[in-house]
Protein backbone atom coordinates (compact mmCIF):
# COMPACT_ATOMS: atom_id res chain seq x y z
CA MET A 1 -3.50 4.73 10.84
CA THR A 2 -1.12 5.85 8.17
CA ALA A 3 2.53 5.41 9.06
CA PRO A 4 4.11 8.61 10.51
CA VAL A 5 6.71 10.82 9.06
CA PHE A 6 9.68 12.25 10.90
CA VAL A 7 10.36 15.73 9.59
CA VAL A 8 14.04 16.72 10.33
CA LEU A 9 15.88 19.85 9.72
CA SER A 10 19.44 18.99 11.05
CA GLN A 11 21.70 15.99 10.81
CA SER A 12 21.56 15.41 14.52
CA GLY A 13 17.82 15.37 14.30
CA PHE A 14 18.13 12.81 11.59
CA GLU A 15 20.19 10.53 13.79
CA VAL A 16 17.63 10.65 16.65
CA ALA A 17 14.76 9.95 14.07
CA ALA A 18 16.75 7.10 12.53
CA GLY A 19 17.00 5.42 15.90
CA ALA A 20 13.34 6.21 17.01
CA ARG A 21 11.73 4.97 13.80
CA THR A 22 12.44 1.35 14.60
CA VAL A 23 9.49 1.31 16.95
CA LEU A 24 7.02 2.68 14.30
CA PRO A 25 6.83 0.23 11.31
CA GLY A 26 6.71 1.98 7.94
CA ALA A 27 7.72 5.40 9.34
CA GLU A 28 9.70 7.64 6.83
CA ILE A 29 12.16 10.33 7.39
CA HIS A 30 11.84 13.55 5.44
CA GLY A 31 14.74 15.94 5.50
CA LEU A 32 15.41 19.50 4.44
CA ALA A 33 17.25 19.57 1.15
CA HIS A 34 20.96 20.14 1.19
CA ARG A 35 21.11 19.81 4.95
CA ILE A 36 20.27 16.12 5.54
CA THR A 37 22.05 13.05 4.33
CA GLY A 38 20.22 9.73 4.24
CA ALA A 39 16.49 10.91 4.34
CA ASP A 40 13.79 8.96 2.56
CA LYS A 41 12.48 12.10 0.89
CA ASP A 42 13.77 15.70 0.60
CA PHE A 43 11.82 18.93 0.70
CA SER A 44 12.76 22.57 0.20
CA SER A 45 10.09 24.57 2.09
CA THR A 46 9.50 23.35 5.64
CA LEU A 47 6.22 25.06 6.17
CA ASP A 48 4.84 24.08 2.86
CA HIS A 49 5.84 20.35 3.47
CA LEU A 50 4.31 20.26 7.00
CA THR A 51 1.11 21.69 5.64
CA ALA A 52 0.91 19.21 2.87
CA LEU A 53 1.48 16.24 5.17
CA PHE A 54 -1.08 17.46 7.61
CA LEU A 55 -3.73 18.13 4.95
CA ALA A 56 -3.06 14.55 3.58
CA GLY A 57 -3.84 13.12 7.00
CA THR A 58 -0.23 11.94 7.70
CA PRO A 59 1.00 11.70 11.25
CA ILE A 60 3.80 14.16 11.74
CA ILE A 61 6.79 13.92 14.19
CA GLY A 62 8.64 17.18 13.97
CA VAL A 63 12.23 16.72 15.15
CA PHE A 64 12.73 20.41 16.04
CA ALA A 65 11.16 23.24 18.09
CA SER A 66 7.34 22.83 18.68
CA GLY A 67 6.94 26.54 17.65
CA ILE A 68 7.72 25.69 13.97
CA LEU A 69 4.91 23.17 14.01
CA ILE A 70 2.55 25.61 15.66
CA ARG A 71 3.23 28.34 13.14
CA ALA A 72 3.02 25.99 10.19
CA LEU A 73 -0.14 24.23 11.12
CA GLY A 74 -2.09 26.95 12.88
CA PRO A 75 -3.61 28.37 9.78
CA VAL A 76 -4.92 24.88 8.62
CA LEU A 77 -6.43 23.79 11.83
CA SER A 78 -10.20 23.23 11.52
CA ASN A 79 -11.73 19.89 12.74
CA LYS A 80 -10.31 18.46 15.86
CA ARG A 81 -11.79 14.98 15.08
CA ALA A 82 -10.15 14.94 11.61
CA GLU A 83 -6.70 16.12 12.41
CA PRO A 84 -3.81 13.55 12.35
CA PRO A 85 -1.47 13.15 15.17
CA VAL A 86 1.27 15.87 15.47
CA LEU A 87 4.25 15.56 17.84
CA ALA A 88 7.36 17.49 18.62
CA LEU A 89 10.50 15.49 19.35
CA ALA A 90 13.46 17.33 20.69
CA GLU A 91 16.59 17.15 18.42
CA ASP A 92 18.56 15.51 21.13
CA GLY A 93 15.86 13.03 21.92
CA SER A 94 15.32 14.47 25.39
CA ALA A 95 11.55 15.21 25.14
CA VAL A 96 8.53 14.19 23.13
CA VAL A 97 5.25 16.22 23.22
CA PRO A 98 1.97 15.29 21.53
CA LEU A 99 0.57 18.60 20.20
CA LEU A 100 -2.42 17.48 18.21
CA GLY A 101 -4.52 14.30 18.02
CA GLY A 102 -3.53 13.22 21.40
CA HIS A 103 -6.56 10.89 21.59
CA HIS A 104 -6.20 9.81 17.94
CA GLY A 105 -2.89 8.22 18.12
CA ALA A 106 -0.55 11.01 19.20
CA ASN A 107 -0.40 9.90 22.85
CA GLY A 108 0.21 6.37 21.82
CA ILE A 109 3.04 7.28 19.44
CA ALA A 110 4.57 9.48 22.22
CA ARG A 111 4.59 6.51 24.62
CA GLN A 112 6.24 4.36 22.00
CA LEU A 113 8.91 6.87 21.26
CA ALA A 114 9.59 7.66 24.88
CA ALA A 115 10.05 4.01 25.65
CA ALA A 116 12.56 3.69 22.85
CA LEU A 117 14.48 6.78 23.92
CA GLY A 118 14.37 6.04 27.66
CA ILE A 119 12.40 9.22 28.55
CA GLU A 120 8.89 10.12 29.85
CA PRO A 121 6.41 11.37 27.38
CA ALA A 122 5.05 14.89 27.99
CA ILE A 123 1.30 13.88 27.68
CA THR A 124 -0.98 16.77 28.75
CA THR A 125 -4.51 15.54 27.91
CA ALA A 126 -6.62 15.55 31.05
CA GLY A 127 -8.12 12.23 30.82
CA ASP A 128 -4.76 10.39 30.41
CA LEU A 129 -3.21 12.51 33.29
CA ASN A 130 -6.04 12.09 35.81
CA PHE A 131 -7.41 8.62 35.07
CA GLY A 132 -4.90 6.73 33.10
CA VAL A 133 -7.29 6.37 30.18
CA ALA A 134 -8.51 8.38 27.13
CA LEU A 135 -12.24 7.99 27.04
CA ASP A 136 -12.47 9.08 23.42
CA GLU A 137 -9.75 6.76 22.41
CA PRO A 138 -10.88 3.19 23.00
CA PRO A 139 -8.72 0.14 22.13
CA ASP A 140 -8.56 -1.19 18.66
CA GLY A 141 -11.78 -2.70 17.58
CA TRP A 142 -13.86 -0.81 20.13
CA HIS A 143 -16.03 2.14 19.22
CA LEU A 144 -17.40 5.07 21.11
CA ALA A 145 -20.90 5.70 19.90
CA ASN A 146 -21.02 9.37 20.95
CA PRO A 147 -17.48 10.86 20.86
CA GLU A 148 -19.02 14.35 20.74
CA ASP A 149 -19.96 13.84 24.44
CA ALA A 150 -16.54 12.77 25.62
CA LYS A 151 -15.36 16.35 26.36
CA PRO A 152 -18.15 17.39 28.69
CA TYR A 153 -18.18 13.87 30.23
CA THR A 154 -14.44 14.19 31.00
CA ALA A 155 -14.98 17.69 32.33
CA ALA A 156 -17.52 16.45 34.78
CA LEU A 157 -15.11 13.70 35.95
CA ILE A 158 -12.40 16.27 36.55
CA ALA A 159 -14.80 18.35 38.57
CA GLY A 160 -15.34 15.41 40.84
CA ALA A 161 -18.29 13.37 39.46
CA LYS A 162 -18.29 9.62 39.99
CA VAL A 163 -18.82 7.03 37.24
CA GLN A 164 -20.50 3.52 37.05
CA LEU A 165 -19.56 0.82 34.61
CA ASP A 166 -22.62 -0.94 32.90
CA GLY A 167 -21.08 -3.94 31.05
CA GLU A 168 -17.58 -5.54 30.87
CA ALA A 169 -14.47 -3.64 29.64
CA PRO A 170 -11.21 -4.59 31.43
CA TRP A 171 -9.47 -1.51 30.00
CA LEU A 172 -12.00 0.69 31.73
CA ARG A 173 -12.18 -1.27 34.90
CA GLY A 174 -8.39 -1.26 35.15
CA SER A 175 -8.19 2.56 34.97
CA ARG A 176 -8.10 5.12 37.77
CA LEU A 177 -11.63 6.28 37.10
CA PRO A 178 -13.55 7.05 40.26
CA PHE A 179 -16.20 4.27 40.21
CA SER A 180 -19.22 4.24 42.39
CA PRO A 181 -22.43 2.06 42.16
CA ASP A 182 -24.72 5.18 42.55
CA ALA A 183 -22.74 7.53 40.34
CA GLY A 184 -24.38 10.04 38.07
CA LEU A 185 -22.08 9.21 35.08
CA THR A 186 -22.35 6.01 33.23
CA LEU A 187 -20.03 4.05 30.92
CA ARG A 188 -22.20 1.66 29.00
CA VAL A 189 -20.72 -1.40 27.19
CA THR A 190 -22.99 -3.01 24.72
CA GLU A 191 -23.37 -4.55 21.28
CA ARG A 192 -26.74 -2.86 20.92
CA ALA A 193 -27.44 0.41 19.26
CA GLU A 194 -28.21 2.76 22.08
CA PRO A 195 -28.13 6.52 22.51
CA GLY A 196 -25.54 8.14 24.59
CA SER A 197 -25.39 11.71 26.27
CA ASP A 198 -22.98 13.92 28.12
CA THR A 199 -23.61 11.69 31.17
CA ARG A 200 -23.54 8.40 29.37
CA LEU A 201 -20.85 7.26 27.03
CA VAL A 202 -21.79 4.14 25.00
CA TYR A 203 -18.96 1.80 23.93
CA HIS A 204 -19.42 -0.93 21.41
CA PRO A 205 -17.04 -3.99 21.85
CA PRO A 206 -16.06 -6.00 18.82
CA VAL A 207 -18.12 -9.06 19.58
CA LEU A 208 -20.35 -9.41 16.46
CA ALA A 209 -19.42 -11.53 13.42
CA VAL A 210 -21.46 -10.86 10.28
CA GLY A 211 -21.78 -13.89 8.02
CA VAL A 212 -22.69 -13.28 4.34
CA GLY A 213 -23.35 -15.36 1.28
CA CYS A 214 -24.22 -14.16 -2.11
CA GLU A 215 -24.55 -15.17 -5.82
CA ARG A 216 -21.70 -14.58 -8.05
CA GLY A 217 -21.97 -10.91 -9.39
CA ALA A 218 -24.46 -9.73 -6.83
CA SER A 219 -24.41 -5.96 -6.56
CA ALA A 220 -22.50 -4.20 -3.79
CA ASP A 221 -25.52 -2.06 -2.91
CA GLU A 222 -27.67 -5.19 -2.31
CA VAL A 223 -25.16 -6.83 0.01
CA ILE A 224 -24.43 -3.58 1.97
CA GLY A 225 -28.13 -2.91 2.12
CA LEU A 226 -28.87 -6.41 3.48
CA VAL A 227 -26.14 -6.32 6.10
CA ARG A 228 -27.26 -2.83 7.33
CA GLU A 229 -30.85 -3.80 7.47
CA THR A 230 -30.09 -6.89 9.40
CA LEU A 231 -28.10 -5.07 11.96
CA THR A 232 -30.78 -2.32 12.28
CA GLU A 233 -33.72 -4.55 12.58
CA ALA A 234 -32.03 -6.52 15.28
CA GLY A 235 -31.09 -3.26 17.06
CA LEU A 236 -27.39 -3.99 16.80
CA ALA A 237 -24.56 -1.36 16.34
CA GLU A 238 -22.35 -1.40 13.41
CA GLY A 239 -19.54 -0.34 15.77
CA ALA A 240 -19.75 -3.74 17.47
CA VAL A 241 -19.01 -5.67 14.27
CA ALA A 242 -15.53 -7.22 14.37
CA ALA A 243 -15.38 -8.75 10.90
CA LEU A 244 -17.47 -9.72 7.94
CA CYS A 245 -17.07 -13.39 7.02
CA SER A 246 -17.93 -15.73 4.20
CA ILE A 247 -16.85 -18.95 2.41
CA ASP A 248 -13.43 -18.92 0.74
CA VAL A 249 -14.96 -19.48 -2.74
CA LYS A 250 -16.20 -15.86 -2.43
CA MET A 251 -12.67 -14.46 -1.57
CA ASP A 252 -12.63 -12.45 -4.82
CA GLU A 253 -16.36 -11.33 -4.66
CA PRO A 254 -16.38 -7.55 -5.04
CA ALA A 255 -19.76 -7.10 -3.21
CA ILE A 256 -18.41 -8.81 -0.11
CA HIS A 257 -15.37 -6.66 0.10
CA ALA A 258 -17.49 -3.53 -0.56
CA ALA A 259 -19.77 -4.55 2.32
CA ALA A 260 -16.84 -4.89 4.73
CA ALA A 261 -15.41 -1.54 3.58
CA ALA A 262 -18.83 0.06 4.22
CA LEU A 263 -18.65 -1.21 7.85
CA GLY A 264 -15.02 -0.37 8.12
CA VAL A 265 -14.07 -3.86 9.12
CA PRO A 266 -11.85 -6.66 7.78
CA VAL A 267 -13.12 -9.61 5.71
CA ARG A 268 -12.34 -13.19 6.77
CA PHE A 269 -13.02 -16.44 4.97
CA PHE A 270 -13.47 -20.20 5.94
CA GLY A 271 -13.23 -23.26 3.86
CA ALA A 272 -16.37 -25.36 3.22
CA ALA A 273 -15.22 -28.10 5.62
CA ARG A 274 -14.86 -25.66 8.53
CA LEU A 275 -18.30 -24.21 7.83
CA GLU A 276 -19.80 -27.71 7.73
CA GLU A 277 -18.58 -28.33 11.23
CA GLU A 278 -21.30 -25.72 12.30
CA ALA A 279 -24.04 -27.65 10.51
CA PRO A 280 -25.55 -29.01 13.82
CA ARG A 281 -25.92 -25.34 15.06
CA LEU A 282 -27.58 -23.88 11.97
CA ALA A 283 -31.04 -22.59 12.15
CA ASN A 284 -31.64 -22.90 8.45
CA PRO A 285 -29.52 -25.65 6.95
CA SER A 286 -29.95 -26.07 3.21
CA ASP A 287 -29.20 -29.22 1.23
CA LEU A 288 -29.10 -27.14 -1.95
CA VAL A 289 -26.30 -24.95 -0.60
CA PHE A 290 -24.53 -28.21 0.49
CA ARG A 291 -24.67 -29.50 -3.15
CA GLU A 292 -23.35 -26.18 -4.46
CA VAL A 293 -20.49 -25.36 -2.05
CA GLY A 294 -20.08 -28.31 0.28
CA CYS A 295 -21.61 -26.99 3.44
CA HIS A 296 -25.16 -26.62 4.65
CA GLY A 297 -25.03 -22.84 5.35
CA VAL A 298 -22.63 -20.05 4.42
CA ALA A 299 -24.07 -16.99 6.22
CA GLU A 300 -24.91 -18.74 9.43
CA GLY A 301 -21.92 -21.03 9.29
CA ALA A 302 -19.49 -18.14 8.93
CA ALA A 303 -21.24 -16.14 11.65
CA LEU A 304 -20.86 -19.07 14.09
CA ALA A 305 -17.42 -20.10 12.98
CA ALA A 306 -16.09 -16.56 13.30
CA SER A 307 -17.75 -15.73 16.64
CA GLY A 308 -17.15 -18.85 18.47
CA GLY A 309 -20.45 -18.16 20.19
CA THR A 310 -24.14 -18.12 19.56
CA LEU A 311 -26.25 -17.37 16.42
CA LEU A 312 -27.75 -14.03 17.45
CA VAL A 313 -29.61 -13.37 14.14
CA PRO A 314 -30.54 -16.25 11.88
CA LYS A 315 -30.23 -16.07 8.12
CA ARG A 316 -31.97 -13.19 6.40
CA LYS A 317 -32.31 -13.19 2.59
CA SER A 318 -32.54 -10.66 -0.22
CA ALA A 319 -32.88 -11.45 -3.89
CA ARG A 320 -29.25 -12.59 -4.26
CA ALA A 321 -27.64 -12.51 -0.90
CA THR A 322 -27.93 -13.91 2.77
CA CYS A 323 -26.82 -12.52 5.98
CA ALA A 324 -26.63 -13.76 9.61
CA ILE A 325 -24.97 -12.53 12.72
CA GLY A 326 -23.03 -14.40 15.50
CA LEU A 327 -22.32 -13.14 18.99
CA ALA A 328 -18.95 -13.85 20.57
CA PRO A 329 -18.56 -14.49 24.29
CA ALA A 330 -15.52 -11.99 24.39
CA PRO A 331 -14.12 -9.25 22.06
CA LEU A 332 -12.87 -10.67 18.93
CA ASN A 333 -9.43 -10.20 17.22
CA PRO A 334 -9.82 -10.40 13.46
CA ALA A 335 -6.33 -11.79 13.16
CA ASP A 336 -7.65 -14.84 14.75
CA ILE A 337 -10.66 -15.27 12.60
CA GLY A 338 -10.52 -17.56 9.44
CA ALA A 339 -8.17 -16.52 6.56
CA ARG A 340 -7.66 -13.19 4.88
CA ARG A 341 -7.51 -12.70 1.18
CA GLY A 342 -3.93 -12.55 0.28
CA ARG A 343 -2.57 -9.61 -1.91
CA LEU A 344 0.32 -9.82 -4.54
CA SER A 345 1.63 -6.48 -5.39
CA ILE A 346 3.78 -6.54 -8.56
CA VAL A 347 6.03 -3.52 -8.00
CA GLY A 348 8.32 -1.81 -10.46
CA ILE A 349 10.96 0.12 -8.64
CA GLY A 350 12.44 1.87 -11.68
CA PRO A 351 16.28 1.76 -11.90
CA GLY A 352 16.40 1.41 -8.05
CA SER A 353 17.11 4.97 -6.86
CA ASP A 354 14.80 6.49 -4.32
CA GLY A 355 13.99 9.46 -6.52
CA TRP A 356 12.88 7.36 -9.44
CA ARG A 357 10.51 5.13 -7.31
CA THR A 358 6.92 6.15 -7.30
CA PRO A 359 5.02 7.11 -4.07
CA GLU A 360 2.54 4.26 -4.78
CA ALA A 361 5.40 1.78 -5.09
CA ASP A 362 6.73 2.93 -1.72
CA GLN A 363 3.22 2.60 -0.14
CA TRP A 364 2.82 -1.02 -1.49
CA LEU A 365 6.33 -1.97 -0.39
CA THR A 366 5.66 -0.47 3.12
CA ALA A 367 2.38 -2.53 3.40
CA ALA A 368 4.02 -5.66 2.37
CA THR A 369 4.76 -8.55 4.87
CA ASP A 370 7.06 -10.34 2.37
CA LEU A 371 9.35 -9.24 -0.41
CA VAL A 372 10.17 -11.52 -3.30
CA GLY A 373 12.78 -10.74 -5.99
CA TYR A 374 16.32 -10.85 -7.30
CA HIS A 375 18.70 -10.18 -4.42
CA LEU A 376 20.08 -6.95 -5.95
CA TYR A 377 16.51 -5.50 -6.43
CA LEU A 378 15.82 -6.16 -2.78
CA ASP A 379 19.05 -4.58 -1.62
CA LEU A 380 18.06 -1.48 -3.58
CA LEU A 381 15.05 -0.94 -1.37
CA GLY A 382 17.24 0.02 1.66
CA ASP A 383 15.05 0.72 4.69
CA LEU A 384 11.84 -0.18 2.89
CA ALA A 385 12.99 -3.83 3.23
CA ALA A 386 13.50 -3.56 7.07
CA GLY A 387 11.45 -5.90 9.26
CA LYS A 388 10.00 -7.83 6.22
CA ARG A 389 10.47 -11.47 5.23
CA ARG A 390 12.90 -11.43 2.22
CA HIS A 391 12.80 -14.25 -0.33
CA GLY A 392 15.85 -13.40 -2.53
CA TYR A 393 16.90 -15.15 -5.66
CA GLU A 394 19.79 -15.15 -8.02
CA LEU A 395 19.38 -13.73 -11.50
CA GLY A 396 17.08 -15.94 -13.52
CA ALA A 397 14.68 -18.37 -11.78
CA GLU A 398 11.90 -15.98 -12.82
CA GLU A 399 9.12 -18.66 -12.68
CA ALA A 400 10.29 -19.88 -9.23
CA ARG A 401 9.99 -16.34 -7.94
CA CYS A 402 6.62 -15.84 -9.26
CA ARG A 403 5.37 -19.22 -7.88
CA VAL A 404 6.77 -18.38 -4.39
CA ALA A 405 5.07 -14.97 -4.46
CA LEU A 406 1.73 -16.43 -5.43
CA ASP A 407 2.02 -19.24 -2.87
CA LEU A 408 2.82 -16.81 -0.05
CA ALA A 409 -0.09 -14.54 -1.00
CA ALA A 410 -2.37 -17.67 -1.08
CA GLU A 411 -1.41 -18.11 2.56
CA GLY A 412 -3.01 -14.74 3.26
CA ARG A 413 0.16 -12.72 3.20
CA ASP A 414 0.66 -9.22 1.53
CA VAL A 415 3.43 -9.94 -0.76
CA ALA A 416 5.52 -7.60 -2.98
CA LEU A 417 7.04 -9.07 -6.15
CA VAL A 418 9.86 -6.65 -7.00
CA SER A 419 11.08 -5.81 -10.53
CA SER A 420 13.50 -3.28 -11.65
CA GLY A 421 12.18 -0.76 -14.21
CA ASP A 422 8.52 -1.31 -14.98
CA ALA A 423 7.28 -4.61 -13.95
CA GLY A 424 5.17 -4.97 -16.95
CA ILE A 425 7.86 -4.30 -19.49
CA TYR A 426 9.98 -7.42 -20.11
CA ALA A 427 9.58 -8.26 -16.39
CA MET A 428 7.58 -10.26 -13.90
CA ALA A 429 3.96 -9.12 -14.26
CA THR A 430 3.36 -11.06 -17.45
CA LEU A 431 4.65 -14.32 -15.98
CA VAL A 432 2.38 -14.03 -12.90
CA PHE A 433 -0.82 -13.80 -15.06
CA GLU A 434 0.50 -16.49 -17.27
CA LEU A 435 0.97 -18.84 -14.39
CA VAL A 436 -2.42 -17.97 -12.96
CA GLU A 437 -4.02 -18.93 -16.23
CA ARG A 438 -1.87 -21.87 -16.97
CA GLU A 439 -2.15 -23.61 -13.52
CA GLY A 440 -5.82 -22.99 -13.02
CA ARG A 441 -5.38 -22.96 -9.13
CA ALA A 442 -8.39 -21.60 -7.40
CA ASP A 443 -6.29 -20.17 -4.45
CA TRP A 444 -4.23 -18.18 -6.88
CA ALA A 445 -7.22 -17.00 -9.00
CA ARG A 446 -8.76 -15.57 -5.87
CA LEU A 447 -5.89 -13.30 -4.90
CA ASP A 448 -5.94 -9.60 -4.89
CA ILE A 449 -3.30 -9.00 -7.56
CA ALA A 450 -2.32 -5.43 -8.62
CA VAL A 451 0.46 -3.88 -10.67
CA THR A 452 2.16 -0.55 -10.02
CA PRO A 453 4.28 1.02 -12.69
CA GLY A 454 8.01 1.93 -12.45
CA ILE A 455 10.17 4.02 -14.61
CA SER A 456 11.46 1.87 -17.39
CA ALA A 457 14.98 1.85 -18.71
CA LEU A 458 13.72 3.36 -21.97
CA GLN A 459 12.12 6.33 -20.11
CA ALA A 460 15.21 6.78 -18.06
CA ALA A 461 17.59 6.76 -20.95
CA ALA A 462 15.44 9.07 -22.97
CA ALA A 463 15.16 11.63 -20.11
CA ARG A 464 18.96 11.59 -19.54
CA VAL A 465 19.57 12.63 -23.06
CA GLY A 466 16.67 14.80 -24.12
CA ALA A 467 13.62 13.58 -26.05
CA PRO A 468 14.46 10.79 -28.34
CA LEU A 469 10.99 9.25 -27.97
CA GLY A 470 9.27 12.37 -29.07
CA HIS A 471 7.66 10.47 -32.01
CA ASP A 472 6.75 6.85 -32.69
CA PHE A 473 8.89 4.27 -31.11
CA CYS A 474 8.86 0.61 -30.24
CA THR A 475 10.87 -1.84 -27.97
CA ILE A 476 12.70 -5.07 -29.04
CA SER A 477 14.27 -7.56 -26.73
CA LEU A 478 17.36 -9.35 -28.49
CA SER A 479 17.23 -12.23 -26.00
CA ASP A 480 16.34 -15.38 -27.85
CA LEU A 481 15.97 -17.42 -24.67
CA LEU A 482 12.20 -17.38 -24.95
CA THR A 483 11.62 -16.01 -28.34
CA PRO A 484 13.26 -17.62 -31.46
CA TRP A 485 15.75 -15.58 -33.37
CA PRO A 486 13.75 -15.65 -36.71
CA VAL A 487 10.80 -14.00 -34.87
CA ILE A 488 13.06 -11.25 -33.40
CA GLU A 489 14.61 -10.65 -36.81
CA ARG A 490 11.25 -10.27 -38.41
CA ARG A 491 10.32 -7.63 -35.88
CA ILE A 492 13.71 -5.88 -36.43
CA LYS A 493 13.03 -5.65 -40.17
CA ALA A 494 9.40 -4.39 -39.57
CA ALA A 495 10.75 -1.73 -37.20
CA ALA A 496 13.36 -0.76 -39.67
CA GLU A 497 10.82 -0.39 -42.43
CA GLY A 498 8.47 1.51 -40.21
CA ASP A 499 11.21 3.95 -39.21
CA PHE A 500 10.59 3.70 -35.48
CA VAL A 501 12.92 4.73 -32.79
CA ILE A 502 13.91 1.52 -31.29
CA ALA A 503 14.72 0.73 -27.53
CA VAL A 504 16.77 -2.37 -27.48
CA TYR A 505 16.54 -4.58 -24.35
CA ASN A 506 18.92 -7.33 -23.53
CA PRO A 507 21.28 -6.26 -26.42
CA VAL A 508 24.06 -8.65 -25.66
CA SER A 509 25.07 -11.35 -23.12
CA ARG A 510 28.26 -13.51 -22.70
CA ARG A 511 26.85 -16.09 -25.04
CA ARG A 512 24.94 -13.71 -27.29
CA THR A 513 27.21 -11.32 -29.19
CA GLU A 514 25.85 -11.58 -32.79
CA GLN A 515 22.34 -10.29 -32.58
CA LEU A 516 23.22 -6.58 -32.02
CA PRO A 517 25.56 -6.46 -35.15
CA ALA A 518 22.81 -8.29 -37.15
CA MET A 519 20.41 -5.69 -36.04
CA LYS A 520 22.70 -2.89 -36.97
CA ALA A 521 23.17 -4.33 -40.51
CA VAL A 522 19.37 -4.42 -41.05
CA LEU A 523 18.86 -0.87 -39.81
CA LEU A 524 21.69 0.51 -41.99
CA GLU A 525 19.71 -0.52 -45.01
CA HIS A 526 16.89 1.86 -43.89
CA ARG A 527 18.34 4.82 -42.17
CA PRO A 528 21.51 6.99 -42.25
CA ALA A 529 24.80 5.82 -40.90
CA THR A 530 24.82 9.14 -38.85
CA THR A 531 21.58 8.12 -37.04
CA PRO A 532 22.04 8.87 -33.33
CA VAL A 533 22.39 5.92 -31.03
CA ILE A 534 22.26 6.16 -27.20
CA ILE A 535 24.13 3.63 -25.05
CA ALA A 536 22.76 3.93 -21.43
CA ARG A 537 24.37 1.81 -18.68
CA ASN A 538 23.42 1.56 -14.90
CA LEU A 539 20.65 4.13 -15.22
CA GLY A 540 19.91 5.71 -11.95
CA ARG A 541 22.58 3.81 -10.06
CA PRO A 542 26.27 4.37 -9.08
CA GLY A 543 28.29 4.05 -12.22
CA GLU A 544 25.73 5.48 -14.51
CA ALA A 545 27.20 6.08 -17.99
CA ILE A 546 25.47 7.60 -20.99
CA THR A 547 27.15 7.72 -24.42
CA VAL A 548 25.70 9.19 -27.66
CA THR A 549 27.29 7.64 -30.81
CA THR A 550 26.02 6.87 -34.37
CA LEU A 551 24.58 3.76 -35.98
CA ALA A 552 27.80 3.41 -37.95
CA ASP A 553 29.92 3.44 -34.94
CA LEU A 554 27.73 1.23 -32.78
CA ASP A 555 29.97 -1.48 -31.28
CA ALA A 556 28.67 -4.59 -29.44
CA ALA A 557 31.94 -4.56 -27.40
CA ASP A 558 30.65 -1.29 -25.69
CA VAL A 559 27.43 -2.97 -24.60
CA ASP A 560 26.44 -5.46 -21.81
CA MET A 561 23.35 -6.81 -20.03
CA LEU A 562 23.18 -3.78 -17.78
CA THR A 563 22.82 -1.52 -20.93
CA LEU A 564 19.98 -0.27 -22.86
CA VAL A 565 20.62 0.76 -26.41
CA MET A 566 18.34 3.31 -28.15
CA ILE A 567 18.55 3.67 -31.90
CA GLY A 568 17.02 6.78 -33.47
CA SER A 569 14.75 6.92 -36.46
CA SER A 570 15.86 8.62 -39.77
CA GLU A 571 14.34 11.87 -38.15
CA THR A 572 16.27 11.73 -34.85
CA ARG A 573 18.62 14.59 -34.29
CA ALA A 574 21.77 15.00 -32.24
CA LEU A 575 22.24 18.52 -30.77
CA ARG A 576 25.61 19.57 -29.36
CA ARG A 577 25.57 21.36 -26.08
CA GLY A 578 27.77 24.13 -24.89
CA ASP A 579 29.24 21.89 -22.16
CA GLY A 580 30.46 19.25 -24.71
CA GLY A 581 27.51 16.93 -24.24
CA THR A 582 24.80 16.04 -26.62
CA TRP A 583 21.04 16.33 -26.60
CA VAL A 584 19.05 13.79 -28.72
CA TYR A 585 15.57 14.39 -29.83
CA THR A 586 13.08 13.20 -32.44
CA PRO A 587 10.89 15.87 -33.88
CA ARG A 588 7.16 15.45 -34.26
CA GLY A 589 6.75 17.84 -37.19
CA TYR A 590 6.23 21.14 -35.40
CA ALA A 591 8.60 22.79 -37.76
CA ALA A 592 6.48 21.88 -40.74
CA LYS A 593 3.39 23.03 -38.83
CA HIS A 594 4.96 26.32 -38.04
CA LEU A 595 5.72 26.88 -41.72
CA ASP A 596 2.12 26.01 -42.57
CA ASP A 597 0.88 28.46 -39.99
CA LYS A 598 3.06 31.25 -41.42
CA ALA A 599 1.76 30.51 -44.92
CA LEU A 600 -1.73 30.93 -43.70
């Protein structure tokens, strides 16, 4: 389930939400603009914001009167089974009421909040009140095959009908349901695909482990088709599958991940040595497979290793894939099965302020178990870093940071490597891919590595002063730590001759003070001394300062490593504002086009 959002309209409501959110990992607080201080996000229209969250499937906790939620969401209510949880939490924390989605997470959230606040949740759903269990909300991993029958079934129970349990389910046996051996209602627990009815609810426990092997590059359709055919022909329910499993050399095989996604289950992997331990129990051991991957069976071995039980369905084959199914003696927890594929999210957080960090970056940071980066960048994350393992470093040590991030991800963790600005612009993304290629480590190569963009310093500086990047531009770093100065100098001359607007990264440092004056001298040979120059320091952070000067007056003494310098082209213009400031823009030739259009 997506992390919930507290929607607050008052500062007192914010204080209650700030305390309560600690029991809901990843929860955000959205506050009404100009009323709330400290919210993760602001909004201006309460009704519009509530509607947008609801339609996006986001669980909502409104810290205000329930009537506001009812008026806002009434017009968009349609499908009971598709609606996200919606709760009302009193501004003083004295009451919490699940309004929608009670059996789809709202009741559970209410119980968590109530426990944190020291109150009783106001749960009104009949099943919970009468029997201590929500029949249409089984525990994680369990599936109700016929949820459409849960309402009439519960109504019959409330009217006095008795129920019998066919199968093992401690969460049902431990409830207050009126059990009787000759009851007219049945709760059936089985891994088999069986029909239900309004007098028979069918539950599938997570006791099946699907083992899969395939050739490199096998199509997703083939693997998905084989898995589903195997389950169907054996009369087994997809809802009883706890995980799809394979050998670790297939950790980056798209078809295997696609098959797991089609079933809605996690993927888990085993090393060849662990799979070979199951060799005596294989129905179809293969010497060919052993020579290729080091074990006598992938599909059957994975099914047995994951289930810890019996081989229910021996290996079935398609043209390029194999599938087998294991049956566990008790419900499985995927967290206890094999290894998961680790993820390395390379996240650009922009200048660091919340408003300049993308929603995708926030999502990836929220999902991460570990954060790696320069101490300052991790500090800038604020509440997003709460509850996560921090691996902070001093400025520099870039390769050490990347190695630690890759190693943690190789352990199966969800790691976020944090960069300021855009992670792909003079930042960490390049080094990650360089290390993966240079080291040739299989465990790194199999990782799920992804990059999300951030607002770069050049974009931030340009936005603050107008539109200096309106025409062709380039970026040049003056740091000669990794790039020899003669190479940098050649690029400066090329940019000068090409008349590009130039964004200058790493313009000076304590030991490097000559490069910026040298660059200035080259540029003065190709563009006017009056060319606008932007000096932007601490962009998006406290102490931000933007100065517009000229190329002739550019002084390295006004610049440090927290500064980006942007030097205009010969066409760049400075436009004085009425408030004494300056807009800077680089025209694209619209004026000439306008004259041509008039001539026509």
